[in-house]
Amino acid sequence: MPTINQLVRKGRQKPVYVNKVPALEACPQKRGVCTRVYTTTLKNLTLHCVKYVKSADQRF
């Protein structure tokens, strides 16, 4: 715990955060990695083809 004199002399510095992936533009949802994209036909004929994505991070 610093003393009052130490805080008056130097003060506290905020930590500097560096964006590791600037291409994401502060949107972590863009970071999905698709391992497989496929379509399946359903057994119910009234429904249409459904597209599925197998994601590496299992969020989708």
N, C-alpha and C. Protein backbone atom coordinates (compact mmCIF):
# COMPACT_ATOMS: atom_id res chain seq x y z
N MET A 1 0.85 -1.18 0.00
CA MET A 1 0.00 0.00 0.00
C MET A 1 0.89 1.24 0.00
N PRO A 2 0.76 2.10 -1.00
CA PRO A 2 1.61 3.29 -1.05
C PRO A 2 1.16 4.34 -0.04
N THR A 3 2.10 5.17 0.34
CA THR A 3 1.78 6.26 1.26
C THR A 3 1.21 7.43 0.47
N ILE A 4 0.70 8.41 1.20
CA ILE A 4 0.13 9.59 0.55
C ILE A 4 1.20 10.34 -0.24
N ASN A 5 2.42 10.45 0.34
CA ASN A 5 3.49 11.15 -0.36
C ASN A 5 3.86 10.45 -1.66
N GLN A 6 3.89 9.12 -1.66
CA GLN A 6 4.21 8.40 -2.89
C GLN A 6 3.14 8.64 -3.96
N LEU A 7 1.88 8.67 -3.55
CA LEU A 7 0.81 8.92 -4.51
C LEU A 7 0.85 10.36 -5.04
N VAL A 8 1.24 11.30 -4.18
CA VAL A 8 1.32 12.69 -4.62
C VAL A 8 2.47 12.85 -5.61
N ARG A 9 3.58 12.20 -5.34
CA ARG A 9 4.75 12.34 -6.21
C ARG A 9 4.54 11.67 -7.56
N LYS A 10 4.11 10.43 -7.55
CA LYS A 10 4.03 9.66 -8.80
C LYS A 10 2.60 9.45 -9.30
N GLY A 11 1.67 9.26 -8.41
CA GLY A 11 0.30 8.99 -8.82
C GLY A 11 0.14 7.57 -9.34
N ARG A 12 -1.04 7.27 -9.78
CA ARG A 12 -1.31 5.93 -10.31
C ARG A 12 -1.46 6.02 -11.82
N GLN A 13 -0.95 4.99 -12.51
CA GLN A 13 -1.07 4.94 -13.96
C GLN A 13 -2.08 3.87 -14.34
N LYS A 14 -2.94 4.20 -15.29
CA LYS A 14 -3.90 3.21 -15.77
C LYS A 14 -3.18 2.24 -16.70
N PRO A 15 -3.55 0.96 -16.68
CA PRO A 15 -2.92 0.01 -17.59
C PRO A 15 -3.30 0.30 -19.04
N VAL A 16 -2.35 0.14 -19.93
CA VAL A 16 -2.58 0.39 -21.35
C VAL A 16 -2.99 -0.92 -22.00
N TYR A 17 -4.18 -0.93 -22.58
CA TYR A 17 -4.68 -2.13 -23.23
C TYR A 17 -4.41 -2.04 -24.73
N VAL A 18 -3.84 -3.10 -25.29
CA VAL A 18 -3.54 -3.14 -26.71
C VAL A 18 -4.50 -4.11 -27.37
N ASN A 19 -5.16 -3.66 -28.41
CA ASN A 19 -6.08 -4.52 -29.15
C ASN A 19 -5.27 -5.54 -29.94
N LYS A 20 -5.45 -6.82 -29.63
CA LYS A 20 -4.66 -7.86 -30.28
C LYS A 20 -5.12 -8.11 -31.71
N VAL A 21 -6.40 -7.88 -31.99
CA VAL A 21 -6.94 -8.13 -33.33
C VAL A 21 -7.70 -6.88 -33.77
N PRO A 22 -7.01 -5.89 -34.35
CA PRO A 22 -7.71 -4.66 -34.73
C PRO A 22 -8.70 -4.85 -35.87
N ALA A 23 -8.58 -5.91 -36.63
CA ALA A 23 -9.49 -6.12 -37.76
C ALA A 23 -10.91 -6.44 -37.29
N LEU A 24 -11.06 -6.90 -36.06
CA LEU A 24 -12.40 -7.23 -35.56
C LEU A 24 -13.19 -5.99 -35.19
N GLU A 25 -12.56 -4.85 -35.08
CA GLU A 25 -13.21 -3.58 -34.77
C GLU A 25 -14.02 -3.69 -33.49
N ALA A 26 -13.42 -4.22 -32.45
CA ALA A 26 -14.04 -4.34 -31.13
C ALA A 26 -15.34 -5.13 -31.18
N CYS A 27 -15.43 -6.11 -32.05
CA CYS A 27 -16.63 -6.94 -32.18
C CYS A 27 -16.20 -8.40 -32.17
N PRO A 28 -16.15 -9.05 -31.01
CA PRO A 28 -15.65 -10.42 -30.95
C PRO A 28 -16.53 -11.44 -31.67
N GLN A 29 -17.77 -11.04 -32.03
CA GLN A 29 -18.63 -11.99 -32.73
C GLN A 29 -18.12 -12.30 -34.13
N LYS A 30 -17.29 -11.43 -34.70
CA LYS A 30 -16.78 -11.66 -36.05
C LYS A 30 -15.69 -12.72 -36.08
N ARG A 31 -15.28 -13.22 -34.92
CA ARG A 31 -14.12 -14.09 -34.86
C ARG A 31 -14.49 -15.57 -35.01
N GLY A 32 -15.59 -15.90 -35.62
CA GLY A 32 -15.97 -17.29 -35.80
C GLY A 32 -15.14 -17.95 -36.89
N VAL A 33 -14.74 -19.20 -36.65
CA VAL A 33 -13.97 -19.95 -37.63
C VAL A 33 -14.83 -21.12 -38.06
N CYS A 34 -15.26 -21.13 -39.32
CA CYS A 34 -16.12 -22.19 -39.82
C CYS A 34 -15.27 -23.38 -40.23
N THR A 35 -15.57 -24.54 -39.67
CA THR A 35 -14.86 -25.75 -40.05
C THR A 35 -15.62 -26.52 -41.12
N ARG A 36 -16.96 -26.33 -41.17
CA ARG A 36 -17.74 -27.06 -42.16
C ARG A 36 -19.06 -26.33 -42.39
N VAL A 37 -19.44 -26.16 -43.66
CA VAL A 37 -20.72 -25.57 -44.03
C VAL A 37 -21.43 -26.59 -44.90
N TYR A 38 -22.67 -26.96 -44.52
CA TYR A 38 -23.37 -28.00 -45.27
C TYR A 38 -24.87 -27.75 -45.21
N THR A 39 -25.61 -28.37 -46.15
CA THR A 39 -27.07 -28.29 -46.15
C THR A 39 -27.63 -29.69 -45.97
N THR A 40 -28.79 -29.76 -45.36
CA THR A 40 -29.44 -31.05 -45.18
C THR A 40 -30.89 -30.93 -45.64
N THR A 41 -31.42 -32.01 -46.19
CA THR A 41 -32.84 -32.07 -46.53
C THR A 41 -33.55 -32.72 -45.36
N LEU A 42 -34.67 -32.14 -44.98
CA LEU A 42 -35.39 -32.64 -43.82
C LEU A 42 -36.37 -33.73 -44.23
N LYS A 43 -36.78 -34.53 -43.25
CA LYS A 43 -37.73 -35.60 -43.54
C LYS A 43 -39.11 -35.03 -43.84
N ASN A 44 -39.43 -33.91 -43.22
CA ASN A 44 -40.71 -33.27 -43.50
C ASN A 44 -40.61 -32.54 -44.83
N LEU A 45 -41.38 -32.93 -45.80
CA LEU A 45 -41.24 -32.39 -47.15
C LEU A 45 -41.78 -30.98 -47.29
N THR A 46 -42.56 -30.50 -46.33
CA THR A 46 -43.10 -29.15 -46.45
C THR A 46 -42.05 -28.10 -46.10
N LEU A 47 -40.98 -28.51 -45.45
CA LEU A 47 -39.92 -27.57 -45.10
C LEU A 47 -38.85 -27.55 -46.18
N HIS A 48 -38.12 -26.49 -46.27
CA HIS A 48 -37.10 -26.34 -47.29
C HIS A 48 -35.74 -26.80 -46.77
N CYS A 49 -34.73 -26.68 -47.62
CA CYS A 49 -33.37 -27.04 -47.25
C CYS A 49 -32.86 -26.09 -46.18
N VAL A 50 -32.20 -26.62 -45.18
CA VAL A 50 -31.68 -25.80 -44.09
C VAL A 50 -30.16 -25.83 -44.14
N LYS A 51 -29.55 -24.66 -44.00
CA LYS A 51 -28.09 -24.57 -44.02
C LYS A 51 -27.56 -24.60 -42.59
N TYR A 52 -26.51 -25.35 -42.38
CA TYR A 52 -25.89 -25.46 -41.06
C TYR A 52 -24.42 -25.06 -41.15
N VAL A 53 -23.89 -24.57 -40.05
CA VAL A 53 -22.48 -24.21 -39.96
C VAL A 53 -21.90 -24.89 -38.74
N LYS A 54 -20.83 -25.63 -38.92
CA LYS A 54 -20.12 -26.20 -37.78
C LYS A 54 -18.98 -25.24 -37.46
N SER A 55 -19.04 -24.65 -36.29
CA SER A 55 -18.09 -23.62 -35.90
C SER A 55 -17.02 -24.21 -35.00
N ALA A 56 -15.82 -23.66 -35.09
CA ALA A 56 -14.72 -24.15 -34.27
C ALA A 56 -14.87 -23.72 -32.82
N ASP A 57 -15.49 -22.55 -32.57
CA ASP A 57 -15.61 -22.10 -31.20
C ASP A 57 -16.95 -22.47 -30.57
N GLN A 58 -17.80 -23.22 -31.27
CA GLN A 58 -19.05 -23.78 -30.77
C GLN A 58 -20.01 -22.72 -30.23
N ARG A 59 -20.02 -21.53 -30.79
CA ARG A 59 -20.94 -20.50 -30.34
C ARG A 59 -22.16 -20.39 -31.24
N PHE A 60 -22.15 -21.01 -32.41
CA PHE A 60 -23.24 -20.86 -33.35
C PHE A 60 -24.01 -22.15 -33.47
